[in-house]
């Protein structure tokens, strides 16, 4: 499922620095974790890697908080949760998540990549 967030072109989170991410984490109800994101330099481009496996490395260990934060990150990024019960092989990846992983990198190619171009290349 591709989020309407992508089609509206509202991917401003890709421009966020770690202070913007900290403000966002505060706005979703977790002001106690602002420093976890700033001290670990989590920018908007790195949010694609924020999941329940990585949050303890950032200093977030409360399981309920981890679940909510991960859900809010997926909501912000417009990606769906992987259905792990689907197959024992690698599950099919959400195209939005794959695009955001490419955008998380730096450099001329990542900067120039648009979601429309990514989809064109992805389905070729």
PDB file of N, CA and C in Angstrom:
ATOM      1  N   UNK A   1       0.843  -1.181   0.000  1.00  0.00           N
ATOM      2  CA  UNK A   1       0.000   0.000   0.000  1.00  0.00           C
ATOM      3  C   UNK A   1       0.884   1.240   0.000  1.00  0.00           C
ATOM      4  N   UNK A   2       0.609   2.164  -0.902  1.00  0.00           N
ATOM      5  CA  UNK A   2       1.385   3.393  -0.987  1.00  0.00           C
ATOM      6  C   UNK A   2       0.567   4.501  -0.354  1.00  0.00           C
ATOM      7  N   UNK A   3       1.168   5.186   0.582  1.00  0.00           N
ATOM      8  CA  UNK A   3       0.464   6.208   1.337  1.00  0.00           C
ATOM      9  C   UNK A   3       0.114   7.407   0.477  1.00  0.00           C
ATOM     10  N   UNK A   4      -1.022   8.028   0.776  1.00  0.00           N
ATOM     11  CA  UNK A   4      -1.398   9.268   0.100  1.00  0.00           C
ATOM     12  C   UNK A   4      -0.424  10.380   0.451  1.00  0.00           C
ATOM     13  N   UNK A   5       0.297  10.240   1.560  1.00  0.00           N
ATOM     14  CA  UNK A   5       1.332  11.193   1.952  1.00  0.00           C
ATOM     15  C   UNK A   5       2.343  11.382   0.822  1.00  0.00           C
ATOM     16  N   UNK A   6       2.702  10.279   0.159  1.00  0.00           N
ATOM     17  CA  UNK A   6       3.685  10.313  -0.917  1.00  0.00           C
ATOM     18  C   UNK A   6       3.113  11.051  -2.122  1.00  0.00           C
ATOM     19  N   UNK A   7       1.874  10.753  -2.464  1.00  0.00           N
ATOM     20  CA  UNK A   7       1.297  11.366  -3.649  1.00  0.00           C
ATOM     21  C   UNK A   7       1.029  12.848  -3.466  1.00  0.00           C
ATOM     22  N   UNK A   8       0.826  13.280  -2.264  1.00  0.00           N
ATOM     23  CA  UNK A   8       0.665  14.710  -2.009  1.00  0.00           C
ATOM     24  C   UNK A   8       2.007  15.417  -2.040  1.00  0.00           C
ATOM     25  N   UNK A   9       3.073  14.658  -2.076  1.00  0.00           N
ATOM     26  CA  UNK A   9       4.400  15.242  -2.121  1.00  0.00           C
ATOM     27  C   UNK A   9       4.870  15.777  -0.782  1.00  0.00           C
ATOM     28  N   UNK A  10       4.211  15.416   0.309  1.00  0.00           N
ATOM     29  CA  UNK A  10       4.602  15.939   1.615  1.00  0.00           C
ATOM     30  C   UNK A  10       5.602  15.001   2.272  1.00  0.00           C
ATOM     31  N   UNK A  11       6.801  15.069   1.766  1.00  0.00           N
ATOM     32  CA  UNK A  11       7.889  14.286   2.343  1.00  0.00           C
ATOM     33  C   UNK A  11       8.893  15.237   2.972  1.00  0.00           C
ATOM     34  N   UNK A  12       8.378  16.300   3.585  1.00  0.00           N
ATOM     35  CA  UNK A  12       9.258  17.299   4.182  1.00  0.00           C
ATOM     36  C   UNK A  12      10.146  16.720   5.272  1.00  0.00           C
ATOM     37  N   UNK A  13       9.744  15.598   5.852  1.00  0.00           N
ATOM     38  CA  UNK A  13      10.569  14.975   6.892  1.00  0.00           C
ATOM     39  C   UNK A  13      11.950  14.592   6.361  1.00  0.00           C
ATOM     40  N   UNK A  14      12.093  14.422   5.047  1.00  0.00           N
ATOM     41  CA  UNK A  14      13.401  14.108   4.481  1.00  0.00           C
ATOM     42  C   UNK A  14      14.392  15.254   4.672  1.00  0.00           C
ATOM     43  N   UNK A  15      13.888  16.446   4.920  1.00  0.00           N
ATOM     44  CA  UNK A  15      14.741  17.615   5.134  1.00  0.00           C
ATOM     45  C   UNK A  15      15.022  17.877   6.610  1.00  0.00           C
ATOM     46  N   UNK A  16      14.405  17.120   7.494  1.00  0.00           N
ATOM     47  CA  UNK A  16      14.557  17.357   8.932  1.00  0.00           C
ATOM     48  C   UNK A  16      15.951  17.007   9.412  1.00  0.00           C
ATOM     49  N   UNK A  17      16.477  17.838  10.303  1.00  0.00           N
ATOM     50  CA  UNK A  17      17.699  17.473  11.014  1.00  0.00           C
ATOM     51  C   UNK A  17      17.284  16.817  12.338  1.00  0.00           C
ATOM     52  N   UNK A  18      18.246  16.462  13.162  1.00  0.00           N
ATOM     53  CA  UNK A  18      17.914  15.738  14.394  1.00  0.00           C
ATOM     54  C   UNK A  18      17.090  16.586  15.360  1.00  0.00           C
ATOM     55  N   UNK A  19      17.259  17.906  15.326  1.00  0.00           N
ATOM     56  CA  UNK A  19      16.447  18.767  16.197  1.00  0.00           C
ATOM     57  C   UNK A  19      14.980  18.758  15.751  1.00  0.00           C
ATOM     58  N   UNK A  20      14.753  18.729  14.435  1.00  0.00           N
ATOM     59  CA  UNK A  20      13.377  18.634  13.925  1.00  0.00           C
ATOM     60  C   UNK A  20      12.748  17.304  14.325  1.00  0.00           C
ATOM     61  N   UNK A  21      13.522  16.237  14.233  1.00  0.00           N
ATOM     62  CA  UNK A  21      13.018  14.919  14.644  1.00  0.00           C
ATOM     63  C   UNK A  21      12.701  14.930  16.132  1.00  0.00           C
ATOM     64  N   UNK A  22      13.550  15.560  16.924  1.00  0.00           N
ATOM     65  CA  UNK A  22      13.304  15.648  18.375  1.00  0.00           C
ATOM     66  C   UNK A  22      12.013  16.421  18.655  1.00  0.00           C
ATOM     67  N   UNK A  23      11.775  17.493  17.915  1.00  0.00           N
ATOM     68  CA  UNK A  23      10.515  18.239  18.090  1.00  0.00           C
ATOM     69  C   UNK A  23       9.323  17.370  17.708  1.00  0.00           C
ATOM     70  N   UNK A  24       9.480  16.592  16.647  1.00  0.00           N
ATOM     71  CA  UNK A  24       8.393  15.708  16.227  1.00  0.00           C
ATOM     72  C   UNK A  24       8.127  14.639  17.289  1.00  0.00           C
ATOM     73  N   UNK A  25       9.190  14.020  17.821  1.00  0.00           N
ATOM     74  CA  UNK A  25       9.006  12.965  18.828  1.00  0.00           C
ATOM     75  C   UNK A  25       8.324  13.549  20.072  1.00  0.00           C
ATOM     76  N   UNK A  26       8.630  14.791  20.382  1.00  0.00           N
ATOM     77  CA  UNK A  26       7.943  15.467  21.489  1.00  0.00           C
ATOM     78  C   UNK A  26       6.475  15.681  21.144  1.00  0.00           C
ATOM     79  N   UNK A  27       6.194  16.070  19.909  1.00  0.00           N
ATOM     80  CA  UNK A  27       4.813  16.362  19.506  1.00  0.00           C
ATOM     81  C   UNK A  27       3.926  15.120  19.489  1.00  0.00           C
ATOM     82  N   UNK A  28       4.525  13.936  19.365  1.00  0.00           N
ATOM     83  CA  UNK A  28       3.728  12.706  19.378  1.00  0.00           C
ATOM     84  C   UNK A  28       3.654  12.100  20.775  1.00  0.00           C
ATOM     85  N   UNK A  29       4.128  12.860  21.772  1.00  0.00           N
ATOM     86  CA  UNK A  29       3.919  12.454  23.157  1.00  0.00           C
ATOM     87  C   UNK A  29       5.104  11.848  23.879  1.00  0.00           C
ATOM     88  N   UNK A  30       6.318  12.027  23.348  1.00  0.00           N
ATOM     89  CA  UNK A  30       7.480  11.414  23.983  1.00  0.00           C
ATOM     90  C   UNK A  30       8.618  12.413  24.189  1.00  0.00           C
ATOM     91  N   UNK A  31       8.359  13.481  24.944  1.00  0.00           N
ATOM     92  CA  UNK A  31       9.417  14.479  25.156  1.00  0.00           C
ATOM     93  C   UNK A  31      10.636  13.903  25.877  1.00  0.00           C
ATOM     94  N   UNK A  32      10.449  12.851  26.649  1.00  0.00           N
ATOM     95  CA  UNK A  32      11.551  12.251  27.396  1.00  0.00           C
ATOM     96  C   UNK A  32      12.591  11.606  26.475  1.00  0.00           C
ATOM     97  N   UNK A  33      12.266  11.429  25.186  1.00  0.00           N
ATOM     98  CA  UNK A  33      13.192  10.780  24.263  1.00  0.00           C
ATOM     99  C   UNK A  33      13.842  11.744  23.268  1.00  0.00           C
ATOM    100  N   UNK A  34      13.611  13.039  23.440  1.00  0.00           N
ATOM    101  CA  UNK A  34      14.201  14.007  22.506  1.00  0.00           C
ATOM    102  C   UNK A  34      15.712  13.842  22.408  1.00  0.00           C
ATOM    103  N   UNK A  35      16.373  13.736  23.541  1.00  0.00           N
ATOM    104  CA  UNK A  35      17.841  13.614  23.551  1.00  0.00           C
ATOM    105  C   UNK A  35      18.300  12.326  22.873  1.00  0.00           C
ATOM    106  N   UNK A  36      17.510  11.267  22.956  1.00  0.00           N
ATOM    107  CA  UNK A  36      17.888  10.007  22.301  1.00  0.00           C
ATOM    108  C   UNK A  36      18.056  10.206  20.797  1.00  0.00           C
ATOM    109  N   UNK A  37      17.223  11.053  20.224  1.00  0.00           N
ATOM    110  CA  UNK A  37      17.286  11.283  18.787  1.00  0.00           C
ATOM    111  C   UNK A  37      18.361  12.307  18.418  1.00  0.00           C
ATOM    112  N   UNK A  38      18.510  13.349  19.222  1.00  0.00           N
ATOM    113  CA  UNK A  38      19.531  14.349  18.894  1.00  0.00           C
ATOM    114  C   UNK A  38      20.936  13.821  19.149  1.00  0.00           C
ATOM    115  N   UNK A  39      21.147  13.128  20.256  1.00  0.00           N
ATOM    116  CA  UNK A  39      22.476  12.615  20.585  1.00  0.00           C
ATOM    117  C   UNK A  39      22.939  11.519  19.628  1.00  0.00           C
ATOM    118  N   UNK A  40      21.987  10.875  18.968  1.00  0.00           N
ATOM    119  CA  UNK A  40      22.321   9.833  17.999  1.00  0.00           C
ATOM    120  C   UNK A  40      22.196  10.328  16.554  1.00  0.00           C
ATOM    121  N   UNK A  41      21.997  11.631  16.408  1.00  0.00           N
ATOM    122  CA  UNK A  41      21.963  12.278  15.085  1.00  0.00           C
ATOM    123  C   UNK A  41      20.943  11.638  14.141  1.00  0.00           C
ATOM    124  N   UNK A  42      19.746  11.369  14.653  1.00  0.00           N
ATOM    125  CA  UNK A  42      18.698  10.775  13.832  1.00  0.00           C
ATOM    126  C   UNK A  42      17.981  11.892  13.080  1.00  0.00           C
ATOM    127  N   UNK A  43      18.268  11.984  11.794  1.00  0.00           N
ATOM    128  CA  UNK A  43      17.626  12.981  10.932  1.00  0.00           C
ATOM    129  C   UNK A  43      16.368  12.363  10.317  1.00  0.00           C
ATOM    130  N   UNK A  44      15.620  13.167   9.607  1.00  0.00           N
ATOM    131  CA  UNK A  44      14.436  12.647   8.927  1.00  0.00           C
ATOM    132  C   UNK A  44      14.765  11.540   7.947  1.00  0.00           C
ATOM    133  N   UNK A  45      15.915  11.638   7.311  1.00  0.00           N
ATOM    134  CA  UNK A  45      16.336  10.601   6.361  1.00  0.00           C
ATOM    135  C   UNK A  45      16.661   9.285   7.053  1.00  0.00           C
ATOM    136  N   UNK A  46      16.997   9.339   8.316  1.00  0.00           N
ATOM    137  CA  UNK A  46      17.352   8.119   9.059  1.00  0.00           C
ATOM    138  C   UNK A  46      16.150   7.490   9.756  1.00  0.00           C
ATOM    139  N   UNK A  47      14.991   8.151   9.729  1.00  0.00           N
ATOM    140  CA  UNK A  47      13.815   7.588  10.402  1.00  0.00           C
ATOM    141  C   UNK A  47      13.408   6.236   9.831  1.00  0.00           C
ATOM    142  N   UNK A  48      13.741   5.953   8.578  1.00  0.00           N
ATOM    143  CA  UNK A  48      13.394   4.661   7.992  1.00  0.00           C
ATOM    144  C   UNK A  48      14.020   3.516   8.776  1.00  0.00           C
ATOM    145  N   UNK A  49      15.106   3.788   9.484  1.00  0.00           N
ATOM    146  CA  UNK A  49      15.795   2.748  10.248  1.00  0.00           C
ATOM    147  C   UNK A  49      15.335   2.666  11.699  1.00  0.00           C
ATOM    148  N   UNK A  50      14.395   3.515  12.090  1.00  0.00           N
ATOM    149  CA  UNK A  50      13.891   3.494  13.462  1.00  0.00           C
ATOM    150  C   UNK A  50      12.828   2.406  13.573  1.00  0.00           C
ATOM    151  N   UNK A  51      13.188   1.346  14.306  1.00  0.00           N
ATOM    152  CA  UNK A  51      12.256   0.251  14.534  1.00  0.00           C
ATOM    153  C   UNK A  51      12.524  -0.340  15.917  1.00  0.00           C
ATOM    154  N   UNK A  52      11.736  -1.313  16.286  1.00  0.00           N
ATOM    155  CA  UNK A  52      11.870  -1.874  17.634  1.00  0.00           C
ATOM    156  C   UNK A  52      13.200  -2.580  17.859  1.00  0.00           C
ATOM    157  N   UNK A  53      13.896  -2.946  16.800  1.00  0.00           N
ATOM    158  CA  UNK A  53      15.225  -3.537  16.961  1.00  0.00           C
ATOM    159  C   UNK A  53      16.266  -2.477  17.292  1.00  0.00           C
ATOM    160  N   UNK A  54      16.100  -1.280  16.745  1.00  0.00           N
ATOM    161  CA  UNK A  54      17.113  -0.237  16.895  1.00  0.00           C
ATOM    162  C   UNK A  54      16.847   0.750  18.026  1.00  0.00           C
ATOM    163  N   UNK A  55      15.613   0.873  18.475  1.00  0.00           N
ATOM    164  CA  UNK A  55      15.313   1.849  19.524  1.00  0.00           C
ATOM    165  C   UNK A  55      16.107   1.622  20.814  1.00  0.00           C
ATOM    166  N   UNK A  56      16.317   0.379  21.272  1.00  0.00           N
ATOM    167  CA  UNK A  56      17.138   0.213  22.481  1.00  0.00           C
ATOM    168  C   UNK A  56      18.560   0.760  22.313  1.00  0.00           C
ATOM    169  N   UNK A  57      19.096   0.704  21.108  1.00  0.00           N
ATOM    170  CA  UNK A  57      20.429   1.265  20.858  1.00  0.00           C
ATOM    171  C   UNK A  57      20.438   2.778  21.011  1.00  0.00           C
ATOM    172  N   UNK A  58      19.263   3.386  20.839  1.00  0.00           N
ATOM    173  CA  UNK A  58      19.127   4.836  21.019  1.00  0.00           C
ATOM    174  C   UNK A  58      18.848   5.194  22.475  1.00  0.00           C
ATOM    175  N   UNK A  59      18.565   4.194  23.305  1.00  0.00           N
ATOM    176  CA  UNK A  59      18.275   4.438  24.713  1.00  0.00           C
ATOM    177  C   UNK A  59      16.801   4.344  25.060  1.00  0.00           C
ATOM    178  N   UNK A  60      15.991   3.844  24.150  1.00  0.00           N
ATOM    179  CA  UNK A  60      14.548   3.706  24.381  1.00  0.00           C
ATOM    180  C   UNK A  60      14.267   2.224  24.590  1.00  0.00           C
ATOM    181  N   UNK A  61      13.882   1.861  25.820  1.00  0.00           N
ATOM    182  CA  UNK A  61      13.724   0.442  26.149  1.00  0.00           C
ATOM    183  C   UNK A  61      12.336   0.055  26.640  1.00  0.00           C
ATOM    184  N   UNK A  62      11.469   1.018  26.888  1.00  0.00           N
ATOM    185  CA  UNK A  62      10.107   0.698  27.310  1.00  0.00           C
ATOM    186  C   UNK A  62       9.363   0.129  26.100  1.00  0.00           C
ATOM    187  N   UNK A  63       8.927  -1.130  26.212  1.00  0.00           N
ATOM    188  CA  UNK A  63       8.354  -1.821  25.058  1.00  0.00           C
ATOM    189  C   UNK A  63       7.100  -1.138  24.516  1.00  0.00           C
ATOM    190  N   UNK A  64       6.223  -0.705  25.394  1.00  0.00           N
ATOM    191  CA  UNK A  64       4.996  -0.017  24.937  1.00  0.00           C
ATOM    192  C   UNK A  64       5.349   1.258  24.177  1.00  0.00           C
ATOM    193  N   UNK A  65       6.296   2.029  24.712  1.00  0.00           N
ATOM    194  CA  UNK A  65       6.736   3.248  24.027  1.00  0.00           C
ATOM    195  C   UNK A  65       7.352   2.910  22.673  1.00  0.00           C
ATOM    196  N   UNK A  66       8.129   1.840  22.636  1.00  0.00           N
ATOM    197  CA  UNK A  66       8.760   1.419  21.381  1.00  0.00           C
ATOM    198  C   UNK A  66       7.703   1.092  20.327  1.00  0.00           C
ATOM    199  N   UNK A  67       6.655   0.385  20.730  1.00  0.00           N
ATOM    200  CA  UNK A  67       5.595   0.028  19.793  1.00  0.00           C
ATOM    201  C   UNK A  67       4.907   1.273  19.234  1.00  0.00           C
ATOM    202  N   UNK A  68       4.597   2.214  20.112  1.00  0.00           N
ATOM    203  CA  UNK A  68       3.909   3.431  19.677  1.00  0.00           C
ATOM    204  C   UNK A  68       4.815   4.276  18.784  1.00  0.00           C
ATOM    205  N   UNK A  69       6.065   4.430  19.178  1.00  0.00           N
ATOM    206  CA  UNK A  69       6.997   5.232  18.380  1.00  0.00           C
ATOM    207  C   UNK A  69       7.155   4.624  16.993  1.00  0.00           C
ATOM    208  N   UNK A  70       7.317   3.316  16.921  1.00  0.00           N
ATOM    209  CA  UNK A  70       7.465   2.660  15.617  1.00  0.00           C
ATOM    210  C   UNK A  70       6.216   2.845  14.751  1.00  0.00           C
ATOM    211  N   UNK A  71       5.058   2.730  15.363  1.00  0.00           N
ATOM    212  CA  UNK A  71       3.814   2.933  14.616  1.00  0.00           C
ATOM    213  C   UNK A  71       3.717   4.371  14.105  1.00  0.00           C
ATOM    214  N   UNK A  72       4.097   5.330  14.941  1.00  0.00           N
ATOM    215  CA  UNK A  72       4.039   6.739  14.524  1.00  0.00           C
ATOM    216  C   UNK A  72       5.057   7.042  13.427  1.00  0.00           C
ATOM    217  N   UNK A  73       6.232   6.416  13.491  1.00  0.00           N
ATOM    218  CA  UNK A  73       7.235   6.600  12.438  1.00  0.00           C
ATOM    219  C   UNK A  73       6.701   6.042  11.120  1.00  0.00           C
ATOM    220  N   UNK A  74       6.129   4.833  11.153  1.00  0.00           N
ATOM    221  CA  UNK A  74       5.566   4.253   9.927  1.00  0.00           C
ATOM    222  C   UNK A  74       4.459   5.137   9.371  1.00  0.00           C
ATOM    223  N   UNK A  75       3.649   5.682  10.268  1.00  0.00           N
ATOM    224  CA  UNK A  75       2.571   6.575   9.844  1.00  0.00           C
ATOM    225  C   UNK A  75       3.144   7.831   9.180  1.00  0.00           C
ATOM    226  N   UNK A  76       4.140   8.431   9.800  1.00  0.00           N
ATOM    227  CA  UNK A  76       4.773   9.630   9.246  1.00  0.00           C
ATOM    228  C   UNK A  76       5.375   9.342   7.875  1.00  0.00           C
ATOM    229  N   UNK A  77       6.067   8.214   7.758  1.00  0.00           N
ATOM    230  CA  UNK A  77       6.749   7.879   6.518  1.00  0.00           C
ATOM    231  C   UNK A  77       5.806   7.333   5.454  1.00  0.00           C
ATOM    232  N   UNK A  78       4.615   6.947   5.872  1.00  0.00           N
ATOM    233  CA  UNK A  78       3.648   6.419   4.908  1.00  0.00           C
ATOM    234  C   UNK A  78       3.960   4.997   4.479  1.00  0.00           C
ATOM    235  N   UNK A  79       4.518   4.201   5.400  1.00  0.00           N
ATOM    236  CA  UNK A  79       4.832   2.812   5.058  1.00  0.00           C
ATOM    237  C   UNK A  79       3.971   1.879   5.882  1.00  0.00           C
ATOM    238  N   UNK A  80       3.789   0.681   5.349  1.00  0.00           N
ATOM    239  CA  UNK A  80       2.977  -0.312   6.041  1.00  0.00           C
ATOM    240  C   UNK A  80       3.876  -1.274   6.794  1.00  0.00           C
ATOM    241  N   UNK A  81       3.322  -1.861   7.821  1.00  0.00           N
ATOM    242  CA  UNK A  81       4.065  -2.843   8.608  1.00  0.00           C
ATOM    243  C   UNK A  81       4.174  -4.132   7.813  1.00  0.00           C
ATOM    244  N   UNK A  82       5.331  -4.752   7.871  1.00  0.00           N
ATOM    245  CA  UNK A  82       5.551  -6.016   7.183  1.00  0.00           C
ATOM    246  C   UNK A  82       4.716  -7.102   7.837  1.00  0.00           C
ATOM    247  N   UNK A  83       4.040  -7.872   7.021  1.00  0.00           N
ATOM    248  CA  UNK A  83       3.262  -8.993   7.537  1.00  0.00           C
ATOM    249  C   UNK A  83       4.182 -10.198   7.650  1.00  0.00           C
ATOM    250  N   UNK A  84       4.681 -10.445   8.854  1.00  0.00           N
ATOM    251  CA  UNK A  84       5.665 -11.500   9.059  1.00  0.00           C
ATOM    252  C   UNK A  84       5.060 -12.887   8.962  1.00  0.00           C
ATOM    253  N   UNK A  85       3.766 -13.008   9.063  1.00  0.00           N
ATOM    254  CA  UNK A  85       3.146 -14.329   8.991  1.00  0.00           C
ATOM    255  C   UNK A  85       2.950 -14.786   7.547  1.00  0.00           C
ATOM    256  N   UNK A  86       3.326 -13.969   6.591  1.00  0.00           N
ATOM    257  CA  UNK A  86       3.070 -14.237   5.187  1.00  0.00           C
ATOM    258  C   UNK A  86       3.903 -15.383   4.625  1.00  0.00           C
ATOM    259  N   UNK A  87       5.184 -15.453   4.937  1.00  0.00           N
ATOM    260  CA  UNK A  87       6.062 -16.446   4.346  1.00  0.00           C
ATOM    261  C   UNK A  87       7.331 -16.574   5.183  1.00  0.00           C
ATOM    262  N   UNK A  88       8.008 -17.711   5.054  1.00  0.00           N
ATOM    263  CA  UNK A  88       9.285 -17.839   5.744  1.00  0.00           C
ATOM    264  C   UNK A  88      10.402 -17.200   4.922  1.00  0.00           C
ATOM    265  N   UNK A  89      10.148 -16.954   3.650  1.00  0.00           N
ATOM    266  CA  UNK A  89      11.116 -16.246   2.813  1.00  0.00           C
ATOM    267  C   UNK A  89      11.029 -14.757   3.129  1.00  0.00           C
ATOM    268  N   UNK A  90      11.958 -13.982   2.612  1.00  0.00           N
ATOM    269  CA  UNK A  90      11.898 -12.541   2.827  1.00  0.00           C
ATOM    270  C   UNK A  90      10.552 -12.007   2.350  1.00  0.00           C
ATOM    271  N   UNK A  91       9.853 -11.281   3.205  1.00  0.00           N
ATOM    272  CA  UNK A  91       8.551 -10.748   2.799  1.00  0.00           C
ATOM    273  C   UNK A  91       8.724  -9.652   1.750  1.00  0.00           C
ATOM    274  N   UNK A  92       7.694  -9.446   0.955  1.00  0.00           N
ATOM    275  CA  UNK A  92       7.701  -8.393  -0.045  1.00  0.00           C
ATOM    276  C   UNK A  92       7.805  -7.053   0.661  1.00  0.00           C
ATOM    277  N   UNK A  93       8.684  -6.195   0.185  1.00  0.00           N
ATOM    278  CA  UNK A  93       8.921  -4.903   0.824  1.00  0.00           C
ATOM    279  C   UNK A  93       8.004  -3.837   0.252  1.00  0.00           C
ATOM    280  N   UNK A  94       7.594  -2.942   1.095  1.00  0.00           N
ATOM    281  CA  UNK A  94       6.793  -1.793   0.718  1.00  0.00           C
ATOM    282  C   UNK A  94       7.651  -0.878  -0.160  1.00  0.00           C
ATOM    283  N   UNK A  95       7.176  -0.493  -1.359  1.00  0.00           N
ATOM    284  CA  UNK A  95       7.980   0.376  -2.222  1.00  0.00           C
ATOM    285  C   UNK A  95       8.346   1.707  -1.568  1.00  0.00           C
ATOM    286  N   UNK A  96       7.485   2.216  -0.729  1.00  0.00           N
ATOM    287  CA  UNK A  96       7.792   3.477  -0.045  1.00  0.00           C
ATOM    288  C   UNK A  96       8.992   3.283   0.877  1.00  0.00           C
ATOM    289  N   UNK A  97       9.019   2.172   1.593  1.00  0.00           N
ATOM    290  CA  UNK A  97      10.143   1.898   2.494  1.00  0.00           C
ATOM    291  C   UNK A  97      11.443   1.757   1.704  1.00  0.00           C
ATOM    292  N   UNK A  98      11.385   1.076   0.576  1.00  0.00           N
ATOM    293  CA  UNK A  98      12.583   0.928  -0.252  1.00  0.00           C
ATOM    294  C   UNK A  98      13.065   2.284  -0.771  1.00  0.00           C
ATOM    295  N   UNK A  99      12.132   3.133  -1.188  1.00  0.00           N
ATOM    296  CA  UNK A  99      12.477   4.478  -1.655  1.00  0.00           C
ATOM    297  C   UNK A  99      13.144   5.269  -0.530  1.00  0.00           C
ATOM    298  N   UNK A 100      12.568   5.218   0.661  1.00  0.00           N
ATOM    299  CA  UNK A 100      13.117   5.976   1.782  1.00  0.00           C
ATOM    300  C   UNK A 100      14.495   5.471   2.180  1.00  0.00           C
ATOM    301  N   UNK A 101      14.740   4.185   2.038  1.00  0.00           N
ATOM    302  CA  UNK A 101      16.086   3.673   2.304  1.00  0.00           C
ATOM    303  C   UNK A 101      17.087   4.276   1.323  1.00  0.00           C
ATOM    304  N   UNK A 102      16.703   4.390   0.055  1.00  0.00           N
ATOM    305  CA  UNK A 102      17.594   5.019  -0.933  1.00  0.00           C
ATOM    306  C   UNK A 102      17.796   6.494  -0.612  1.00  0.00           C
ATOM    307  N   UNK A 103      16.741   7.178  -0.180  1.00  0.00           N
ATOM    308  CA  UNK A 103      16.829   8.604   0.148  1.00  0.00           C
ATOM    309  C   UNK A 103      17.601   8.845   1.436  1.00  0.00           C
ATOM    310  N   UNK A 104      17.763   7.815   2.266  1.00  0.00           N
ATOM    311  CA  UNK A 104      18.487   7.994   3.531  1.00  0.00           C
ATOM    312  C   UNK A 104      19.972   8.205   3.287  1.00  0.00           C
ATOM    313  N   UNK A 105      20.431   7.828   2.121  1.00  0.00           N
ATOM    314  CA  UNK A 105      21.840   8.004   1.784  1.00  0.00           C
ATOM    315  C   UNK A 105      22.086   9.451   1.361  1.00  0.00           C
ATOM    316  N   UNK A 106      23.334   9.831   1.334  1.00  0.00           N
ATOM    317  CA  UNK A 106      23.683  11.168   0.870  1.00  0.00           C
ATOM    318  C   UNK A 106      24.355  11.056  -0.487  1.00  0.00           C
ATOM    319  N   UNK A 107      24.437  12.166  -1.158  1.00  0.00           N
ATOM    320  CA  UNK A 107      25.093  12.186  -2.457  1.00  0.00           C
ATOM    321  C   UNK A 107      24.166  12.676  -3.548  1.00  0.00           C
ATOM    322  N   UNK A 108      24.752  12.947  -4.668  1.00  0.00           N
ATOM    323  CA  UNK A 108      24.026  13.529  -5.797  1.00  0.00           C
ATOM    324  C   UNK A 108      22.881  12.647  -6.276  1.00  0.00           C
ATOM    325  N   UNK A 109      23.116  11.340  -6.370  1.00  0.00           N
ATOM    326  CA  UNK A 109      22.071  10.435  -6.855  1.00  0.00           C
ATOM    327  C   UNK A 109      20.879  10.402  -5.891  1.00  0.00           C
ATOM    328  N   UNK A 110      21.154  10.289  -4.608  1.00  0.00           N
ATOM    329  CA  UNK A 110      20.064  10.248  -3.620  1.00  0.00           C
ATOM    330  C   UNK A 110      19.301  11.564  -3.596  1.00  0.00           C
ATOM    331  N   UNK A 111      20.003  12.668  -3.717  1.00  0.00           N
ATOM    332  CA  UNK A 111      19.345  13.981  -3.718  1.00  0.00           C
ATOM    333  C   UNK A 111      18.409  14.130  -4.909  1.00  0.00           C
ATOM    334  N   UNK A 112      18.829  13.628  -6.061  1.00  0.00           N
ATOM    335  CA  UNK A 112      18.056  13.817  -7.293  1.00  0.00           C
ATOM    336  C   UNK A 112      16.904  12.818  -7.441  1.00  0.00           C
ATOM    337  N   UNK A 113      16.936  11.731  -6.701  1.00  0.00           N
ATOM    338  CA  UNK A 113      15.933  10.688  -6.855  1.00  0.00           C
ATOM    339  C   UNK A 113      14.561  11.171  -6.404  1.00  0.00           C
ATOM    340  N   UNK A 114      13.572  11.012  -7.257  1.00  0.00           N
ATOM    341  CA  UNK A 114      12.184  11.323  -6.908  1.00  0.00           C
ATOM    342  C   UNK A 114      11.427  10.011  -6.730  1.00  0.00           C
ATOM    343  N   UNK A 115      10.313  10.095  -6.034  1.00  0.00           N
ATOM    344  CA  UNK A 115       9.517   8.891  -5.817  1.00  0.00           C
ATOM    345  C   UNK A 115       8.985   8.362  -7.139  1.00  0.00           C
ATOM    346  N   UNK A 116       8.576   9.251  -8.035  1.00  0.00           N
ATOM    347  CA  UNK A 116       8.062   8.830  -9.330  1.00  0.00           C
ATOM    348  C   UNK A 116       9.140   8.088 -10.131  1.00  0.00           C
ATOM    349  N   UNK A 117      10.370   8.611 -10.123  1.00  0.00           N
ATOM    350  CA  UNK A 117      11.474   7.953 -10.833  1.00  0.00           C
ATOM    351  C   UNK A 117      11.781   6.603 -10.200  1.00  0.00           C
ATOM    352  N   UNK A 118      11.768   6.563  -8.877  1.00  0.00           N
ATOM    353  CA  UNK A 118      12.015   5.307  -8.175  1.00  0.00           C
ATOM    354  C   UNK A 118      10.977   4.260  -8.588  1.00  0.00           C
ATOM    355  N   UNK A 119       9.690   4.644  -8.588  1.00  0.00           N
ATOM    356  CA  UNK A 119       8.640   3.698  -8.966  1.00  0.00           C
ATOM    357  C   UNK A 119       8.819   3.217 -10.399  1.00  0.00           C
ATOM    358  N   UNK A 120       9.190   4.109 -11.292  1.00  0.00           N
ATOM    359  CA  UNK A 120       9.422   3.738 -12.682  1.00  0.00           C
ATOM    360  C   UNK A 120      10.511   2.662 -12.756  1.00  0.00           C
ATOM    361  N   UNK A 121      11.637   2.917 -12.093  1.00  0.00           N
ATOM    362  CA  UNK A 121      12.753   1.969 -12.094  1.00  0.00           C
ATOM    363  C   UNK A 121      12.387   0.672 -11.366  1.00  0.00           C
ATOM    364  N   UNK A 122      11.630   0.785 -10.279  1.00  0.00           N
ATOM    365  CA  UNK A 122      11.258  -0.358  -9.447  1.00  0.00           C
ATOM    366  C   UNK A 122      10.403  -1.358 -10.222  1.00  0.00           C
ATOM    367  N   UNK A 123       9.481  -0.852 -11.029  1.00  0.00           N
ATOM    368  CA  UNK A 123       8.549  -1.730 -11.735  1.00  0.00           C
ATOM    369  C   UNK A 123       9.012  -2.095 -13.132  1.00  0.00           C
ATOM    370  N   UNK A 124      10.210  -1.694 -13.520  1.00  0.00           N
ATOM    371  CA  UNK A 124      10.751  -2.058 -14.840  1.00  0.00           C
ATOM    372  C   UNK A 124      11.345  -3.433 -14.808  1.00  0.00           C
TER     373      UNK A 124
END
